[in-house]
Protein backbone atom coordinates (compact mmCIF):
# COMPACT_ATOMS: atom_id res chain seq x y z
CA UNK A 1 38.25 -15.32 39.37
CA UNK A 2 35.37 -17.74 38.97
CA UNK A 3 32.87 -14.90 39.47
CA UNK A 4 34.58 -12.87 36.75
CA UNK A 5 34.33 -15.76 34.27
CA UNK A 6 30.69 -16.27 35.22
CA UNK A 7 29.93 -12.61 34.61
CA UNK A 8 31.75 -12.59 31.27
CA UNK A 9 29.94 -15.76 30.21
CA UNK A 10 26.60 -14.26 31.18
CA UNK A 11 27.33 -11.11 29.19
CA UNK A 12 28.26 -13.18 26.15
CA UNK A 13 25.02 -15.16 26.37
CA UNK A 14 22.97 -11.96 26.70
CA UNK A 15 24.76 -10.45 23.68
CA UNK A 16 24.04 -13.56 21.59
CA UNK A 17 20.36 -13.53 22.59
CA UNK A 18 20.14 -9.82 21.75
CA UNK A 19 21.62 -10.41 18.28
CA UNK A 20 19.21 -13.27 17.61
CA UNK A 21 16.24 -11.18 18.78
CA UNK A 22 17.34 -8.30 16.56
CA UNK A 23 17.55 -10.59 13.53
CA UNK A 24 14.12 -12.05 14.27
CA UNK A 25 12.56 -8.60 14.62
CA UNK A 26 14.15 -7.46 11.37
CA UNK A 27 12.79 -10.54 9.60
CA UNK A 28 9.26 -9.85 10.85
CA UNK A 29 9.29 -6.07 10.39
CA UNK A 30 9.01 -6.04 6.55
CA UNK A 31 5.76 -8.02 6.80
CA UNK A 32 4.17 -5.29 8.90
CA UNK A 33 2.97 -2.47 6.70
CA UNK A 34 2.15 0.76 8.49
CA UNK A 35 -1.20 2.19 7.44
CA UNK A 36 -0.80 5.11 5.07
CA UNK A 37 -3.35 7.36 3.44
CA UNK A 38 -1.84 6.82 -0.02
CA UNK A 39 -2.28 3.06 -0.34
CA UNK A 40 -3.14 1.89 -3.83
CA UNK A 41 -5.48 -0.97 -2.83
CA UNK A 42 -7.72 1.02 -0.51
CA UNK A 43 -7.29 1.15 3.22
CA UNK A 44 -4.64 -0.94 4.93
CA UNK A 45 -5.84 -3.33 7.64
CA UNK A 46 -5.48 -2.06 11.17
CA UNK A 47 -3.57 -3.88 13.87
CA UNK A 48 -6.86 -5.06 15.39
CA UNK A 49 -8.00 -6.50 12.06
CA UNK A 50 -4.67 -8.25 11.58
CA UNK A 51 -4.85 -9.61 15.12
CA UNK A 52 -8.40 -10.90 14.62
CA UNK A 53 -7.49 -12.61 11.35
CA UNK A 54 -4.49 -14.32 12.98
CA UNK A 55 -6.66 -15.40 15.92
CA UNK A 56 -9.30 -16.80 13.57
CA UNK A 57 -6.69 -18.72 11.61
CA UNK A 58 -5.24 -20.23 14.80
CA UNK A 59 -8.73 -21.14 16.01
CA UNK A 60 -9.50 -22.83 12.69
CA UNK A 61 -6.21 -24.74 12.78
CA UNK A 62 -6.83 -25.91 16.35
CA UNK A 63 -10.37 -27.02 15.50
CA UNK A 64 -9.12 -28.88 12.43
CA UNK A 65 -6.45 -30.63 14.52
CA UNK A 66 -9.01 -31.62 17.15
CA UNK A 67 -11.32 -33.01 14.48
CA UNK A 68 -8.47 -35.00 12.96
CA UNK A 69 -7.57 -36.38 16.38
CA UNK A 70 -11.16 -37.38 17.06
CA UNK A 71 -11.39 -39.06 13.67
CA UNK A 72 -8.18 -41.00 14.27
CA UNK A 73 -9.34 -42.04 17.73
CA UNK A 74 -12.68 -43.30 16.45
CA UNK A 75 -10.99 -45.20 13.59
CA UNK A 76 -8.49 -46.91 15.87
CA UNK A 77 -11.15 -48.28 18.25
CA UNK A 78 -12.44 -51.76 17.33
């Protein structure tokens, strides 16, 4: 009986996680525009270009955070 409840509980948790993942993917999907030949603003960025721009933004954010941390550390030392 305990095994049956464990299995049912596990299935419920998996179903909840699947629903949450589906909602997250649907929320992200409209932001991804598939490249088409009939785009009004020229060519759409490729997946590689989008990936590089995201990587560059993350790198800039990390560098900015490190600089802020170094500045705070140097200001707090007497």
